[in-house]
């Protein structure tokens, strides 16, 4: 995935379901998603052990989300990605975005075969800052 493709994804995305998002502000996933939320994206946490994260209702699975999802952001181990991709296809997501350190070629091939775009081993926050730039935060 090149920078132009990632920029187009970031510009066209409204809703991000974050699978494996931690409710702990000591975890990097929390801060990555908080940044994206501050930039105007709607965040839907997917974490079966949480009721709410970053002020948003958390869902136990992608399949339990009642709203349309543009991007499924993955904060899970590479071996845990295939069922996430299966569910992303079922809910009609457009993109599966695997964070830094997450690569699963088999799952990526299945996502692409189903018509989804795939980003692997890339931080959404880093990509957003580099390709779009952070909006100033109104205090």
C-alpha atoms as a PDB file:
ATOM      1  CA  UNK A   1       0.000   0.000   0.000  1.00  0.00           C
ATOM      2  CA  UNK A   2       1.562   3.284  -1.029  1.00  0.00           C
ATOM      3  CA  UNK A   3       1.207   6.683   0.647  1.00  0.00           C
ATOM      4  CA  UNK A   4      -1.367   7.966  -1.862  1.00  0.00           C
ATOM      5  CA  UNK A   5      -3.612   4.956  -1.218  1.00  0.00           C
ATOM      6  CA  UNK A   6      -3.285   5.342   2.552  1.00  0.00           C
ATOM      7  CA  UNK A   7      -4.042   9.064   2.279  1.00  0.00           C
ATOM      8  CA  UNK A   8      -7.199   8.312   0.257  1.00  0.00           C
ATOM      9  CA  UNK A   9      -8.300   5.810   2.913  1.00  0.00           C
ATOM     10  CA  UNK A  10      -7.716   8.353   5.686  1.00  0.00           C
ATOM     11  CA  UNK A  11      -9.580  11.101   3.798  1.00  0.00           C
ATOM     12  CA  UNK A  12     -12.593   8.935   2.936  1.00  0.00           C
ATOM     13  CA  UNK A  13     -12.939   7.212   6.316  1.00  0.00           C
ATOM     14  CA  UNK A  14     -15.549   8.327   8.809  1.00  0.00           C
ATOM     15  CA  UNK A  15     -15.948   5.332  11.144  1.00  0.00           C
ATOM     16  CA  UNK A  16     -13.176   3.123  12.524  1.00  0.00           C
ATOM     17  CA  UNK A  17     -13.854  -0.064  14.478  1.00  0.00           C
ATOM     18  CA  UNK A  18     -10.779  -0.726  16.613  1.00  0.00           C
ATOM     19  CA  UNK A  19     -10.436  -4.429  17.394  1.00  0.00           C
ATOM     20  CA  UNK A  20      -8.346  -5.133  20.463  1.00  0.00           C
ATOM     21  CA  UNK A  21      -8.398  -1.534  21.667  1.00  0.00           C
ATOM     22  CA  UNK A  22      -7.297  -1.369  25.288  1.00  0.00           C
ATOM     23  CA  UNK A  23      -9.266   0.544  27.898  1.00  0.00           C
ATOM     24  CA  UNK A  24      -5.968   1.288  29.693  1.00  0.00           C
ATOM     25  CA  UNK A  25      -4.393   4.660  29.027  1.00  0.00           C
ATOM     26  CA  UNK A  26      -1.050   2.948  29.648  1.00  0.00           C
ATOM     27  CA  UNK A  27      -1.358   1.061  26.346  1.00  0.00           C
ATOM     28  CA  UNK A  28      -0.266   2.522  23.024  1.00  0.00           C
ATOM     29  CA  UNK A  29      -3.496   1.467  21.268  1.00  0.00           C
ATOM     30  CA  UNK A  30      -5.436   3.784  23.600  1.00  0.00           C
ATOM     31  CA  UNK A  31      -3.319   6.797  22.622  1.00  0.00           C
ATOM     32  CA  UNK A  32      -3.366   5.984  18.901  1.00  0.00           C
ATOM     33  CA  UNK A  33      -7.150   5.777  18.875  1.00  0.00           C
ATOM     34  CA  UNK A  34      -7.530   8.857  21.104  1.00  0.00           C
ATOM     35  CA  UNK A  35      -5.542  10.821  18.511  1.00  0.00           C
ATOM     36  CA  UNK A  36      -7.753   9.551  15.685  1.00  0.00           C
ATOM     37  CA  UNK A  37     -10.855  10.474  17.686  1.00  0.00           C
ATOM     38  CA  UNK A  38      -9.458  13.995  18.216  1.00  0.00           C
ATOM     39  CA  UNK A  39      -9.009  14.258  14.436  1.00  0.00           C
ATOM     40  CA  UNK A  40     -12.738  13.746  13.926  1.00  0.00           C
ATOM     41  CA  UNK A  41     -13.069  10.038  13.227  1.00  0.00           C
ATOM     42  CA  UNK A  42     -15.896   8.138  14.878  1.00  0.00           C
ATOM     43  CA  UNK A  43     -14.339   5.367  16.920  1.00  0.00           C
ATOM     44  CA  UNK A  44     -16.100   2.120  17.751  1.00  0.00           C
ATOM     45  CA  UNK A  45     -14.122   0.111  20.322  1.00  0.00           C
ATOM     46  CA  UNK A  46     -14.234  -3.671  19.935  1.00  0.00           C
ATOM     47  CA  UNK A  47     -13.232  -5.272  23.215  1.00  0.00           C
ATOM     48  CA  UNK A  48     -15.328  -7.996  24.899  1.00  0.00           C
ATOM     49  CA  UNK A  49     -14.054  -7.040  28.373  1.00  0.00           C
ATOM     50  CA  UNK A  50     -14.953  -3.333  28.220  1.00  0.00           C
ATOM     51  CA  UNK A  51     -18.268  -1.484  28.360  1.00  0.00           C
ATOM     52  CA  UNK A  52     -16.865   1.873  27.240  1.00  0.00           C
ATOM     53  CA  UNK A  53     -13.534   3.198  25.955  1.00  0.00           C
ATOM     54  CA  UNK A  54     -12.728   6.841  25.209  1.00  0.00           C
ATOM     55  CA  UNK A  55     -16.351   7.761  25.903  1.00  0.00           C
ATOM     56  CA  UNK A  56     -17.658   5.355  23.248  1.00  0.00           C
ATOM     57  CA  UNK A  57     -19.708   2.218  23.809  1.00  0.00           C
ATOM     58  CA  UNK A  58     -17.543  -0.860  23.371  1.00  0.00           C
ATOM     59  CA  UNK A  59     -18.823  -3.904  21.483  1.00  0.00           C
ATOM     60  CA  UNK A  60     -17.775  -7.506  22.085  1.00  0.00           C
ATOM     61  CA  UNK A  61     -17.273  -8.219  18.363  1.00  0.00           C
ATOM     62  CA  UNK A  62     -17.443  -6.629  14.937  1.00  0.00           C
ATOM     63  CA  UNK A  63     -20.647  -8.558  14.233  1.00  0.00           C
ATOM     64  CA  UNK A  64     -22.378  -6.878  17.189  1.00  0.00           C
ATOM     65  CA  UNK A  65     -21.844  -3.330  15.853  1.00  0.00           C
ATOM     66  CA  UNK A  66     -25.163  -1.967  14.530  1.00  0.00           C
ATOM     67  CA  UNK A  67     -23.593   0.840  12.459  1.00  0.00           C
ATOM     68  CA  UNK A  68     -21.676   1.014   9.192  1.00  0.00           C
ATOM     69  CA  UNK A  69     -17.897   0.648   9.572  1.00  0.00           C
ATOM     70  CA  UNK A  70     -15.409   1.969   7.025  1.00  0.00           C
ATOM     71  CA  UNK A  71     -12.135   0.701   8.492  1.00  0.00           C
ATOM     72  CA  UNK A  72     -11.438  -2.218  10.804  1.00  0.00           C
ATOM     73  CA  UNK A  73      -8.280  -1.311  12.687  1.00  0.00           C
ATOM     74  CA  UNK A  74      -6.532  -4.328  14.217  1.00  0.00           C
ATOM     75  CA  UNK A  75      -4.579  -4.319  17.482  1.00  0.00           C
ATOM     76  CA  UNK A  76      -4.270  -8.101  17.791  1.00  0.00           C
ATOM     77  CA  UNK A  77      -1.496 -10.640  17.305  1.00  0.00           C
ATOM     78  CA  UNK A  78      -0.947 -11.706  13.676  1.00  0.00           C
ATOM     79  CA  UNK A  79      -2.339 -15.177  14.360  1.00  0.00           C
ATOM     80  CA  UNK A  80      -5.585 -13.613  15.638  1.00  0.00           C
ATOM     81  CA  UNK A  81      -6.209 -11.644  12.439  1.00  0.00           C
ATOM     82  CA  UNK A  82      -8.021 -14.253  10.226  1.00  0.00           C
ATOM     83  CA  UNK A  83     -11.307 -14.269  12.193  1.00  0.00           C
ATOM     84  CA  UNK A  84     -11.188 -10.455  12.363  1.00  0.00           C
ATOM     85  CA  UNK A  85     -10.905 -10.335   8.566  1.00  0.00           C
ATOM     86  CA  UNK A  86     -13.796 -12.796   8.196  1.00  0.00           C
ATOM     87  CA  UNK A  87     -15.978 -10.545  10.341  1.00  0.00           C
ATOM     88  CA  UNK A  88     -14.780  -7.403   8.533  1.00  0.00           C
ATOM     89  CA  UNK A  89     -15.969  -8.956   5.270  1.00  0.00           C
ATOM     90  CA  UNK A  90     -19.316  -9.922   6.834  1.00  0.00           C
ATOM     91  CA  UNK A  91     -20.023  -6.383   8.079  1.00  0.00           C
ATOM     92  CA  UNK A  92     -19.120  -4.789   4.754  1.00  0.00           C
ATOM     93  CA  UNK A  93     -16.038  -2.858   5.877  1.00  0.00           C
ATOM     94  CA  UNK A  94     -13.967  -1.274   3.121  1.00  0.00           C
ATOM     95  CA  UNK A  95     -10.517  -1.564   4.721  1.00  0.00           C
ATOM     96  CA  UNK A  96      -8.609  -3.752   7.162  1.00  0.00           C
ATOM     97  CA  UNK A  97      -5.753  -1.801   8.749  1.00  0.00           C
ATOM     98  CA  UNK A  98      -3.239  -3.856  10.744  1.00  0.00           C
ATOM     99  CA  UNK A  99      -1.121  -1.768  13.100  1.00  0.00           C
ATOM    100  CA  UNK A 100       2.678  -1.800  13.321  1.00  0.00           C
ATOM    101  CA  UNK A 101       4.071  -5.293  13.818  1.00  0.00           C
ATOM    102  CA  UNK A 102       0.934  -7.004  12.552  1.00  0.00           C
ATOM    103  CA  UNK A 103       1.354  -8.922   9.306  1.00  0.00           C
ATOM    104  CA  UNK A 104      -0.785 -11.844   8.177  1.00  0.00           C
ATOM    105  CA  UNK A 105      -0.457 -12.430   4.429  1.00  0.00           C
ATOM    106  CA  UNK A 106      -3.090 -15.179   4.342  1.00  0.00           C
ATOM    107  CA  UNK A 107      -5.708 -12.999   6.044  1.00  0.00           C
ATOM    108  CA  UNK A 108      -4.735 -10.066   3.812  1.00  0.00           C
ATOM    109  CA  UNK A 109      -5.239 -12.191   0.689  1.00  0.00           C
ATOM    110  CA  UNK A 110      -8.719 -13.199   1.892  1.00  0.00           C
ATOM    111  CA  UNK A 111      -9.616  -9.570   2.587  1.00  0.00           C
ATOM    112  CA  UNK A 112      -8.394  -8.476  -0.859  1.00  0.00           C
ATOM    113  CA  UNK A 113     -10.261 -11.338  -2.534  1.00  0.00           C
ATOM    114  CA  UNK A 114     -13.438 -10.053  -0.851  1.00  0.00           C
ATOM    115  CA  UNK A 115     -12.809  -6.546  -2.213  1.00  0.00           C
ATOM    116  CA  UNK A 116     -11.316  -4.908   0.881  1.00  0.00           C
ATOM    117  CA  UNK A 117      -8.221  -2.756   0.879  1.00  0.00           C
ATOM    118  CA  UNK A 118      -5.490  -3.907   3.245  1.00  0.00           C
ATOM    119  CA  UNK A 119      -2.830  -1.999   5.143  1.00  0.00           C
ATOM    120  CA  UNK A 120      -0.337  -4.046   7.162  1.00  0.00           C
ATOM    121  CA  UNK A 121       2.405  -3.139   9.606  1.00  0.00           C
ATOM    122  CA  UNK A 122       1.536   0.575   9.649  1.00  0.00           C
ATOM    123  CA  UNK A 123       0.364   2.890  12.410  1.00  0.00           C
ATOM    124  CA  UNK A 124      -2.759   4.846  11.508  1.00  0.00           C
ATOM    125  CA  UNK A 125      -1.719   7.750  13.737  1.00  0.00           C
ATOM    126  CA  UNK A 126       1.736   7.984  12.139  1.00  0.00           C
ATOM    127  CA  UNK A 127       0.215   7.760   8.657  1.00  0.00           C
ATOM    128  CA  UNK A 128      -2.364  10.433   9.482  1.00  0.00           C
ATOM    129  CA  UNK A 129       0.241  12.820  10.903  1.00  0.00           C
ATOM    130  CA  UNK A 130       2.552  12.318   7.917  1.00  0.00           C
ATOM    131  CA  UNK A 131      -0.024  12.363   5.117  1.00  0.00           C
ATOM    132  CA  UNK A 132      -2.719  14.730   6.412  1.00  0.00           C
ATOM    133  CA  UNK A 133      -1.408  16.456   9.528  1.00  0.00           C
ATOM    134  CA  UNK A 134      -3.029  16.904  12.901  1.00  0.00           C
ATOM    135  CA  UNK A 135      -5.861  19.392  13.286  1.00  0.00           C
ATOM    136  CA  UNK A 136      -5.335  21.904  16.066  1.00  0.00           C
ATOM    137  CA  UNK A 137      -7.218  20.933  19.199  1.00  0.00           C
ATOM    138  CA  UNK A 138      -9.635  23.569  20.509  1.00  0.00           C
ATOM    139  CA  UNK A 139      -9.271  23.945  24.248  1.00  0.00           C
END
